[in-house]
């Protein structure tokens, strides 16, 4: 049961997935510390340091459970989290106590663990990002050719399609994925650098043997799953990597907020809505309301993630010389919470995309309220081909357009431009063809084909590489 007398982090207790919460949990953190200490001891032993098989076996056999209570007791006395866990583990494995953390500084376990957590978190974010792309891709294909009113400046513009609009959201996430993949592939390990990054302690342990120290650094990284090592560091890995990671999460958050904002606007227009449960309440007072609460939550959390970009830059900028500790408390908040919030955002986004409700009749009504004005040039050209006078036709269209617009704006009526044109004798030669001339599908350009090309050439290759369900063309309704 939760303690109702303590503050609870809503990202953990209310929103985030168990997978992301675990990556940033004390269990994950301190079990990784022990794995790093074991890895260091094994490599040091193989390079000739006097570490016994018994000590290695004791470490291997006692990675779990972690005696948190003992560590907390030590920390009250020592005021140092790393040494508290060294002593706590030492109580469990007295034989190995003399060689735990041998030659290392606190950042050996601190920085390297954080890099492991960052990489695993980025990998989880990638999976969720691809899930969003897969889900949105199915919607894009389903509505590839459904005409809808386009907007620029939130004013009516030329027609597009519902599916094409989905691909605009997806394009942002494709760009995000490309940069996210780069971050994952190029994230380095700190490995063994020593107190100020000079590796002096390890050089002393190996009696000045530089080759062994370099081998130790690469081997520890390799065994912990990293191909790359930061070439030079101070005490910590460069906090610039945190800034890059936070910036990447902010970019994903920005893409999500863009899509969620569009959904909110479309919800107001009653064209597209996010999922709404059968017993969900939109308002405590206004029972009829269907507030887009998921999309609103996405925007809310995205704003928080985006704000952390500046935080990462400031932390790096304020690292004095080889290291200052004022980054520590800050990063305990900013790194986990940025990942937890992004995790929630993508989970919500996949849910919104999957359960997105499209209202074709509302969309068509709004299209047909604006299309007659957009179709006037085509109407004029059709009449000219039928023998009409272009200038007289243009004047007639102008007069009818003004009258129709006045009816809409001043009287609140529907647009009756087509009816006015059909009744005007000057347009008699094409009156019977007005429906054909004003078919919305003729005004969406290559939108359906752009959807097909984007899915086939961009999205499906990404999904196939990651073994995510493809947007299967034969399973999507027309």
Protein backbone atom coordinates (compact mmCIF):
# COMPACT_ATOMS: atom_id res chain seq x y z
CA UNK A 1 0.00 0.00 0.00
CA UNK A 2 1.30 3.47 -0.79
CA UNK A 3 2.14 5.77 2.10
CA UNK A 4 -0.48 8.54 1.85
CA UNK A 5 1.62 10.79 4.07
CA UNK A 6 4.47 11.01 1.55
CA UNK A 7 4.71 12.73 -1.81
CA UNK A 8 4.39 10.28 -4.66
CA UNK A 9 5.97 10.92 -8.04
CA UNK A 10 3.08 10.72 -10.51
CA UNK A 11 5.44 9.67 -13.30
CA UNK A 12 6.15 6.47 -11.38
CA UNK A 13 2.95 5.89 -9.44
CA UNK A 14 0.43 7.02 -12.06
CA UNK A 15 1.85 7.03 -15.57
CA UNK A 16 5.12 5.34 -16.53
CA UNK A 17 5.56 1.72 -17.61
CA UNK A 18 7.00 -0.87 -15.26
CA UNK A 19 9.88 -1.40 -17.69
CA UNK A 20 11.03 2.22 -17.62
CA UNK A 21 10.43 2.53 -13.89
CA UNK A 22 12.61 -0.51 -13.28
CA UNK A 23 15.50 0.84 -15.34
CA UNK A 24 15.71 3.83 -12.96
CA UNK A 25 14.91 1.89 -9.79
CA UNK A 26 17.27 1.41 -6.82
CA UNK A 27 17.30 -2.32 -7.57
CA UNK A 28 18.59 -1.77 -11.11
CA UNK A 29 21.07 0.89 -10.01
CA UNK A 30 22.71 -0.97 -7.17
CA UNK A 31 22.64 -4.40 -8.80
CA UNK A 32 24.49 -2.80 -11.74
CA UNK A 33 27.04 -1.37 -9.29
CA UNK A 34 27.74 -4.91 -8.10
CA UNK A 35 28.03 -6.22 -11.64
CA UNK A 36 30.53 -3.46 -12.40
CA UNK A 37 32.57 -4.29 -9.31
CA UNK A 38 32.57 -7.96 -10.30
CA UNK A 39 33.58 -7.12 -13.87
CA UNK A 40 36.43 -4.91 -12.66
CA UNK A 41 37.70 -7.59 -10.26
CA UNK A 42 37.59 -10.31 -12.91
CA UNK A 43 39.52 -8.19 -15.41
CA UNK A 44 42.07 -7.11 -12.81
CA UNK A 45 42.59 -10.74 -11.80
CA UNK A 46 43.13 -11.79 -15.41
CA UNK A 47 45.72 -9.06 -15.79
CA UNK A 48 47.70 -10.37 -12.82
CA UNK A 49 46.46 -8.62 -9.69
CA UNK A 50 46.35 -10.82 -6.56
CA UNK A 51 42.63 -11.54 -6.54
CA UNK A 52 41.63 -15.07 -5.64
CA UNK A 53 39.14 -17.42 -7.24
CA UNK A 54 37.36 -17.53 -3.88
CA UNK A 55 36.85 -13.76 -3.92
CA UNK A 56 35.51 -13.82 -7.47
CA UNK A 57 33.17 -16.70 -6.64
CA UNK A 58 31.88 -14.88 -3.58
CA UNK A 59 31.06 -11.82 -5.69
CA UNK A 60 29.37 -13.89 -8.41
CA UNK A 61 27.27 -15.84 -5.94
CA UNK A 62 26.11 -12.82 -3.95
CA UNK A 63 25.04 -10.25 -6.52
CA UNK A 64 21.55 -10.64 -5.03
CA UNK A 65 19.85 -9.86 -2.72
CA UNK A 66 20.98 -6.32 -2.01
CA UNK A 67 20.95 -5.52 1.68
CA UNK A 68 19.46 -2.05 1.33
CA UNK A 69 18.84 -1.59 5.03
CA UNK A 70 22.50 -2.18 5.85
CA UNK A 71 23.59 0.27 3.12
CA UNK A 72 21.21 2.89 4.48
CA UNK A 73 22.64 2.42 7.94
CA UNK A 74 26.17 2.92 6.66
CA UNK A 75 25.17 6.00 4.65
CA UNK A 76 23.84 7.75 7.75
CA UNK A 77 27.31 7.38 9.22
CA UNK A 78 29.57 7.72 6.16
CA UNK A 79 27.49 10.23 4.15
CA UNK A 80 28.72 8.55 0.97
CA UNK A 81 26.45 6.31 -1.08
CA UNK A 82 29.14 4.37 -2.93
CA UNK A 83 31.18 3.51 0.16
CA UNK A 84 27.97 2.64 1.98
CA UNK A 85 27.24 -0.04 -0.61
CA UNK A 86 30.85 -1.20 -0.63
CA UNK A 87 30.60 -1.85 3.13
CA UNK A 88 27.10 -3.34 2.84
CA UNK A 89 28.24 -5.83 0.20
CA UNK A 90 31.39 -6.45 2.22
CA UNK A 91 29.24 -7.66 5.10
CA UNK A 92 27.69 -10.24 2.78
CA UNK A 93 31.04 -11.34 1.29
CA UNK A 94 33.78 -10.63 3.87
CA UNK A 95 36.35 -12.61 1.87
CA UNK A 96 36.02 -10.21 -1.08
CA UNK A 97 35.77 -7.00 0.93
CA UNK A 98 39.48 -6.09 0.45
CA UNK A 99 39.21 -6.00 -3.35
CA UNK A 100 35.76 -4.47 -3.92
CA UNK A 101 36.14 -1.17 -5.85
CA UNK A 102 39.90 -1.73 -6.22
CA UNK A 103 41.51 1.25 -7.96
CA UNK A 104 38.13 2.81 -8.76
CA UNK A 105 36.51 6.11 -7.92
CA UNK A 106 32.81 6.59 -7.19
CA UNK A 107 32.15 7.58 -10.78
CA UNK A 108 33.26 4.16 -11.92
CA UNK A 109 29.98 2.74 -10.69
CA UNK A 110 28.00 6.00 -10.84
CA UNK A 111 28.75 7.14 -14.38
CA UNK A 112 28.94 3.71 -15.95
CA UNK A 113 25.64 2.66 -14.39
CA UNK A 114 23.98 5.82 -15.65
CA UNK A 115 25.27 5.17 -19.15
CA UNK A 116 23.84 1.66 -18.99
CA UNK A 117 20.51 3.05 -17.77
CA UNK A 118 20.51 5.71 -20.49
CA UNK A 119 21.20 3.17 -23.22
CA UNK A 120 18.54 0.74 -22.02
CA UNK A 121 16.08 3.62 -21.71
CA UNK A 122 16.86 4.83 -25.23
CA UNK A 123 16.31 1.30 -26.52
CA UNK A 124 12.92 1.13 -24.79
CA UNK A 125 12.01 4.55 -26.19
CA UNK A 126 12.96 3.31 -29.66
CA UNK A 127 10.60 0.33 -29.37
CA UNK A 128 7.75 2.58 -28.32
CA UNK A 129 8.51 5.09 -31.05
CA UNK A 130 8.38 2.35 -33.67
CA UNK A 131 5.09 1.13 -32.18
CA UNK A 132 3.66 4.62 -32.68
CA UNK A 133 4.88 4.59 -36.29
CA UNK A 134 3.34 1.18 -36.91
CA UNK A 135 -0.01 2.18 -35.43
CA UNK A 136 -0.12 5.53 -37.19
CA UNK A 137 0.90 3.83 -40.42
CA UNK A 138 -2.19 1.65 -40.34
CA UNK A 139 -4.36 4.73 -39.89
CA UNK A 140 -2.54 6.51 -42.70
CA UNK A 141 -3.22 3.62 -45.05
CA UNK A 142 -6.84 3.27 -43.97
CA UNK A 143 -7.59 6.92 -44.69
CA UNK A 144 -5.06 7.42 -47.49
CA UNK A 145 -7.62 8.89 -49.89
CA UNK A 146 -10.24 10.42 -47.58
CA UNK A 147 -10.35 14.12 -48.50
CA UNK A 148 -10.17 16.57 -45.64
CA UNK A 149 -9.78 20.30 -45.39
CA UNK A 150 -6.20 21.44 -45.11
CA UNK A 151 -5.27 24.35 -42.89
CA UNK A 152 -2.56 26.97 -43.02
CA UNK A 153 -2.59 29.59 -40.26
CA UNK A 154 -5.57 27.53 -39.03
CA UNK A 155 -7.50 28.95 -41.95
CA UNK A 156 -9.07 26.78 -44.68
CA UNK A 157 -6.54 25.84 -47.35
CA UNK A 158 -6.36 23.34 -50.20
CA UNK A 159 -7.59 19.84 -49.54
CA UNK A 160 -5.36 17.06 -48.28
CA UNK A 161 -6.34 13.61 -46.99
CA UNK A 162 -6.67 12.23 -43.48
CA UNK A 163 -4.00 9.66 -44.30
CA UNK A 164 -1.61 12.29 -45.64
CA UNK A 165 -2.01 14.28 -42.42
CA UNK A 166 -1.05 11.14 -40.49
CA UNK A 167 2.14 10.89 -42.53
CA UNK A 168 3.07 14.44 -41.52
CA UNK A 169 3.00 13.33 -37.88
CA UNK A 170 4.90 10.20 -38.80
CA UNK A 171 7.59 12.12 -40.70
CA UNK A 172 8.52 13.90 -37.47
CA UNK A 173 8.88 10.57 -35.68
CA UNK A 174 10.94 9.11 -38.53
CA UNK A 175 13.40 11.98 -38.13
CA UNK A 176 13.38 11.44 -34.38
CA UNK A 177 14.09 7.75 -34.86
CA UNK A 178 17.06 8.42 -37.09
CA UNK A 179 18.63 10.70 -34.49
CA UNK A 180 17.66 8.38 -31.65
CA UNK A 181 19.37 5.47 -33.38
CA UNK A 182 22.51 7.57 -33.75
CA UNK A 183 22.48 8.32 -30.01
CA UNK A 184 22.15 4.63 -29.17
CA UNK A 185 24.86 3.53 -31.58
CA UNK A 186 27.38 6.18 -30.51
CA UNK A 187 26.81 6.25 -26.75
CA UNK A 188 30.19 5.51 -25.14
CA UNK A 189 31.18 3.96 -21.82
CA UNK A 190 33.24 5.80 -19.24
CA UNK A 191 34.90 2.56 -18.13
CA UNK A 192 37.95 2.88 -15.81
CA UNK A 193 39.39 6.38 -15.70
CA UNK A 194 40.31 6.97 -12.08
CA UNK A 195 39.71 9.93 -9.82
CA UNK A 196 40.39 12.78 -12.24
CA UNK A 197 40.39 10.74 -15.41
CA UNK A 198 44.16 10.16 -15.50
CA UNK A 199 43.99 6.43 -14.64
CA UNK A 200 46.81 7.05 -12.12
CA UNK A 201 45.40 4.55 -9.61
CA UNK A 202 45.29 1.76 -12.17
CA UNK A 203 48.74 2.60 -13.49
CA UNK A 204 49.99 2.23 -9.92
CA UNK A 205 48.19 -1.11 -9.46
CA UNK A 206 49.84 -2.47 -12.60
CA UNK A 207 53.30 -1.12 -11.76
CA UNK A 208 53.34 1.44 -14.56
CA UNK A 209 52.19 -0.96 -17.29
CA UNK A 210 50.26 1.30 -19.68
CA UNK A 211 49.32 -1.61 -21.94
CA UNK A 212 47.51 -3.39 -19.13
CA UNK A 213 45.64 -0.25 -18.10
CA UNK A 214 44.46 0.34 -21.66
CA UNK A 215 43.43 -3.30 -21.96
CA UNK A 216 41.54 -3.08 -18.66
CA UNK A 217 39.63 -0.05 -19.87
CA UNK A 218 38.56 -1.68 -23.14
CA UNK A 219 37.82 -5.08 -21.60
CA UNK A 220 35.57 -3.73 -18.85
CA UNK A 221 33.63 -1.76 -21.46
CA UNK A 222 33.34 -4.78 -23.75
CA UNK A 223 32.08 -7.06 -20.99
CA UNK A 224 29.48 -4.49 -20.00
CA UNK A 225 28.27 -4.38 -23.59
CA UNK A 226 29.90 -1.23 -24.97
CA UNK A 227 32.09 -0.99 -28.07
CA UNK A 228 32.98 2.65 -27.54
CA UNK A 229 34.80 4.32 -24.65
CA UNK A 230 35.02 8.05 -24.00
CA UNK A 231 38.64 8.80 -25.06
CA UNK A 232 39.38 11.26 -22.25
CA UNK A 233 37.40 12.36 -19.21
CA UNK A 234 37.74 14.25 -16.00
CA UNK A 235 36.19 12.49 -13.06
CA UNK A 236 32.87 11.99 -14.89
CA UNK A 237 31.89 11.25 -18.43
CA UNK A 238 31.22 14.55 -20.26
CA UNK A 239 27.83 15.86 -19.21
CA UNK A 240 27.44 17.01 -22.80
CA UNK A 241 26.13 13.48 -23.48
CA UNK A 242 23.30 14.16 -21.03
CA UNK A 243 22.48 17.32 -22.93
CA UNK A 244 22.39 15.40 -26.22
CA UNK A 245 20.13 12.74 -24.70
CA UNK A 246 17.77 15.25 -23.11
CA UNK A 247 17.65 17.15 -26.40
CA UNK A 248 16.72 13.96 -28.22
CA UNK A 249 13.92 13.23 -25.77
CA UNK A 250 12.76 16.83 -26.13
CA UNK A 251 12.65 16.41 -29.91
CA UNK A 252 10.42 13.35 -29.53
CA UNK A 253 8.26 15.24 -27.05
CA UNK A 254 7.92 18.13 -29.49
CA UNK A 255 6.78 15.77 -32.25
CA UNK A 256 4.28 14.21 -29.87
CA UNK A 257 2.95 17.57 -28.76
CA UNK A 258 2.52 18.65 -32.39
CA UNK A 259 0.40 15.58 -33.13
CA UNK A 260 -1.55 15.77 -29.87
CA UNK A 261 -2.28 19.45 -30.46
CA UNK A 262 -3.62 18.64 -33.92
CA UNK A 263 -5.83 15.93 -32.41
CA UNK A 264 -7.14 18.44 -29.87
CA UNK A 265 -7.97 20.94 -32.62
CA UNK A 266 -9.61 18.25 -34.75
CA UNK A 267 -11.56 17.10 -31.70
CA UNK A 268 -12.98 20.59 -31.39
CA UNK A 269 -13.99 20.39 -35.05
CA UNK A 270 -15.55 16.97 -34.32
CA UNK A 271 -13.63 15.46 -37.23
CA UNK A 272 -11.22 13.18 -35.36
CA UNK A 273 -11.27 12.19 -31.70
CA UNK A 274 -9.05 10.20 -29.40
CA UNK A 275 -10.45 7.06 -27.71
CA UNK A 276 -13.21 7.70 -25.18
CA UNK A 277 -14.27 4.94 -22.80
CA UNK A 278 -17.95 4.07 -22.42
CA UNK A 279 -18.07 5.32 -18.81
CA UNK A 280 -15.41 8.01 -19.11
CA UNK A 281 -16.41 11.41 -17.71
CA UNK A 282 -15.32 14.48 -19.65
CA UNK A 283 -16.41 17.08 -17.12
CA UNK A 284 -17.77 17.02 -13.56
CA UNK A 285 -20.26 19.74 -14.52
CA UNK A 286 -20.81 19.44 -18.28
CA UNK A 287 -21.87 15.83 -18.75
CA UNK A 288 -21.91 16.06 -22.53
CA UNK A 289 -18.21 16.87 -22.88
CA UNK A 290 -15.61 14.60 -24.51
CA UNK A 291 -12.39 16.28 -23.46
CA UNK A 292 -9.28 15.00 -25.27
CA UNK A 293 -7.59 14.17 -21.95
CA UNK A 294 -4.97 11.81 -23.36
CA UNK A 295 -3.80 14.37 -25.90
CA UNK A 296 -3.85 17.06 -23.24
CA UNK A 297 -1.69 14.89 -20.99
CA UNK A 298 0.75 14.32 -23.85
CA UNK A 299 1.06 18.07 -24.33
CA UNK A 300 1.47 18.63 -20.61
CA UNK A 301 4.26 16.10 -20.20
CA UNK A 302 5.90 17.12 -23.47
CA UNK A 303 6.20 20.67 -22.21
CA UNK A 304 8.02 19.34 -19.15
CA UNK A 305 10.42 17.19 -21.18
CA UNK A 306 11.19 20.03 -23.57
CA UNK A 307 12.03 22.28 -20.61
CA UNK A 308 14.78 19.88 -19.50
CA UNK A 309 16.88 20.54 -22.60
CA UNK A 310 18.14 23.78 -21.09
CA UNK A 311 18.78 21.95 -17.84
CA UNK A 312 21.20 19.53 -19.52
CA UNK A 313 23.10 22.33 -21.22
CA UNK A 314 23.40 24.26 -17.96
CA UNK A 315 24.68 21.20 -16.11
CA UNK A 316 27.43 20.67 -18.67
CA UNK A 317 28.33 24.35 -18.76
CA UNK A 318 28.73 24.45 -14.97
CA UNK A 319 31.17 21.54 -14.65
CA UNK A 320 34.29 23.11 -13.13
CA UNK A 321 37.59 21.71 -14.36
CA UNK A 322 37.62 17.93 -13.78
CA UNK A 323 34.25 17.83 -11.96
CA UNK A 324 31.97 19.57 -9.48
CA UNK A 325 29.25 17.85 -7.50
CA UNK A 326 26.45 20.31 -8.18
CA UNK A 327 25.36 18.11 -11.07
CA UNK A 328 24.49 15.17 -8.85
CA UNK A 329 21.20 16.08 -7.20
CA UNK A 330 20.02 17.70 -10.44
CA UNK A 331 20.72 14.65 -12.56
CA UNK A 332 18.98 12.35 -10.08
CA UNK A 333 15.84 14.21 -11.13
CA UNK A 334 16.34 15.32 -14.71
CA UNK A 335 17.57 12.09 -16.31
CA UNK A 336 15.05 9.61 -14.87
CA UNK A 337 12.11 11.98 -15.14
CA UNK A 338 12.87 12.89 -18.75
CA UNK A 339 12.85 9.21 -19.68
CA UNK A 340 9.82 8.37 -17.54
CA UNK A 341 7.84 11.25 -19.03
CA UNK A 342 8.83 10.39 -22.62
CA UNK A 343 7.87 6.78 -21.94
CA UNK A 344 4.41 7.91 -20.84
CA UNK A 345 4.07 10.23 -23.83
CA UNK A 346 4.76 7.46 -26.34
CA UNK A 347 2.48 4.99 -24.56
CA UNK A 348 -0.34 7.52 -24.65
CA UNK A 349 0.42 8.42 -28.24
CA UNK A 350 0.21 4.79 -29.38
CA UNK A 351 -3.12 4.49 -27.57
CA UNK A 352 -4.47 7.65 -29.20
CA UNK A 353 -3.30 6.53 -32.64
CA UNK A 354 -4.73 3.04 -32.28
CA UNK A 355 -8.12 4.17 -31.02
CA UNK A 356 -8.43 7.28 -33.16
CA UNK A 357 -12.04 7.82 -34.21
CA UNK A 358 -12.61 9.45 -37.60
CA UNK A 359 -15.99 10.98 -38.44
CA UNK A 360 -16.26 10.93 -42.27
CA UNK A 361 -19.59 12.78 -42.53
CA UNK A 362 -18.38 15.70 -40.43
CA UNK A 363 -15.18 15.86 -42.46
CA UNK A 364 -17.12 15.76 -45.74
CA UNK A 365 -19.50 18.48 -44.58
CA UNK A 366 -16.61 20.82 -43.78
CA UNK A 367 -14.91 19.97 -47.08
CA UNK A 368 -18.06 20.75 -49.04
CA UNK A 369 -18.53 24.02 -47.17
CA UNK A 370 -15.18 25.25 -48.51
CA UNK A 371 -14.64 23.29 -51.71
CA UNK A 372 -17.04 25.30 -53.87
CA UNK A 373 -14.85 28.37 -53.46
CA UNK A 374 -11.74 26.33 -54.29
CA UNK A 375 -13.47 24.79 -57.31
CA UNK A 376 -14.47 28.07 -58.94
CA UNK A 377 -11.45 28.16 -61.25
CA UNK A 378 -12.18 24.63 -62.47
CA UNK A 379 -15.82 25.59 -63.01
CA UNK A 380 -14.80 28.60 -65.08
CA UNK A 381 -12.40 26.51 -67.17
CA UNK A 382 -15.08 23.86 -67.82
CA UNK A 383 -17.50 26.55 -68.99
CA UNK A 384 -14.91 28.11 -71.27
CA UNK A 385 -14.32 24.73 -72.87
CA UNK A 386 -18.08 24.54 -73.43
CA UNK A 387 -17.99 27.86 -75.31
CA UNK A 388 -18.45 30.39 -72.50
CA UNK A 389 -16.90 33.85 -72.12
CA UNK A 390 -14.17 33.70 -69.49
CA UNK A 391 -14.59 37.31 -68.30
CA UNK A 392 -18.37 37.09 -67.95
CA UNK A 393 -18.03 33.75 -66.14
CA UNK A 394 -15.44 35.21 -63.79
CA UNK A 395 -17.75 38.12 -62.89
CA UNK A 396 -20.68 35.78 -62.30
CA UNK A 397 -18.57 33.57 -60.04
CA UNK A 398 -17.36 36.62 -58.13
CA UNK A 399 -20.89 37.85 -57.48
CA UNK A 400 -22.15 34.41 -56.43
CA UNK A 401 -19.13 33.83 -54.18
CA UNK A 402 -19.65 37.10 -52.32
CA UNK A 403 -23.33 36.32 -51.84
CA UNK A 404 -22.62 32.78 -50.61
CA UNK A 405 -19.95 33.99 -48.21
CA UNK A 406 -22.33 36.65 -46.87
CA UNK A 407 -24.97 33.98 -46.24
CA UNK A 408 -22.48 31.94 -44.24
CA UNK A 409 -20.96 34.79 -42.24
CA UNK A 410 -23.90 37.14 -41.72
CA UNK A 411 -26.86 34.78 -41.70
CA UNK A 412 -25.17 31.66 -40.30
CA UNK A 413 -26.44 29.54 -43.16
CA UNK A 414 -24.72 26.81 -45.16
CA UNK A 415 -22.63 27.59 -48.21
CA UNK A 416 -24.98 27.57 -51.22
CA UNK A 417 -22.48 28.63 -53.88
CA UNK A 418 -23.00 25.50 -55.99
CA UNK A 419 -26.77 25.92 -55.87
CA UNK A 420 -26.43 29.53 -57.05
CA UNK A 421 -24.15 28.47 -59.89
CA UNK A 422 -26.48 25.65 -60.93
CA UNK A 423 -29.42 28.07 -61.18
CA UNK A 424 -27.51 30.69 -63.20
CA UNK A 425 -28.19 30.27 -66.97
CA UNK A 426 -24.60 31.26 -67.81
CA UNK A 427 -23.46 27.96 -66.26
CA UNK A 428 -26.13 25.77 -67.87
CA UNK A 429 -23.63 23.97 -70.17
CA UNK A 430 -21.85 22.41 -67.19
CA UNK A 431 -24.64 22.34 -64.58
CA UNK A 432 -25.11 18.60 -64.93
CA UNK A 433 -21.38 18.08 -64.37
CA UNK A 434 -21.05 20.16 -61.20
CA UNK A 435 -20.86 17.10 -58.94
CA UNK A 436 -18.04 15.69 -61.04
CA UNK A 437 -16.19 19.00 -61.19
CA UNK A 438 -16.44 19.34 -57.39
CA UNK A 439 -15.46 15.78 -56.47
CA UNK A 440 -13.16 16.34 -53.44
CA UNK A 441 -10.86 13.51 -54.51
CA UNK A 442 -9.80 15.57 -57.52
CA UNK A 443 -8.45 18.28 -55.24
CA UNK A 444 -6.11 16.25 -53.02
CA UNK A 445 -3.24 16.06 -55.49
CA UNK A 446 -0.94 13.09 -54.96
CA UNK A 447 -1.86 12.70 -51.28
CA UNK A 448 -2.96 9.03 -51.57
CA UNK A 449 0.11 8.13 -53.62
CA UNK A 450 2.37 10.03 -51.22
CA UNK A 451 0.95 7.96 -48.38
CA UNK A 452 1.64 4.73 -50.26
CA UNK A 453 5.19 5.77 -51.17
CA UNK A 454 6.00 6.98 -47.65
CA UNK A 455 4.83 3.75 -46.04
CA UNK A 456 6.52 1.50 -48.59
CA UNK A 457 9.80 3.36 -48.94
CA UNK A 458 10.35 4.89 -45.50
CA UNK A 459 8.23 3.38 -42.74
CA UNK A 460 8.07 -0.31 -43.60
CA UNK A 461 11.85 -0.67 -43.97
CA UNK A 462 12.23 0.79 -40.46
CA UNK A 463 9.63 -1.53 -39.01
CA UNK A 464 11.03 -4.57 -40.82
CA UNK A 465 14.50 -3.91 -39.46
CA UNK A 466 13.11 -3.82 -35.94
CA UNK A 467 10.76 -6.80 -36.43
CA UNK A 468 7.74 -4.58 -35.81
CA UNK A 469 4.42 -5.33 -37.55
CA UNK A 470 4.48 -3.83 -41.01
CA UNK A 471 1.74 -1.71 -42.49
CA UNK A 472 0.28 -4.51 -44.58
CA UNK A 473 -1.47 -3.07 -47.59
CA UNK A 474 -3.80 -6.01 -48.12
CA UNK A 475 -5.11 -5.87 -44.54
CA UNK A 476 -6.16 -2.23 -44.64
CA UNK A 477 -9.72 -1.45 -45.62
CA UNK A 478 -10.15 0.87 -48.60
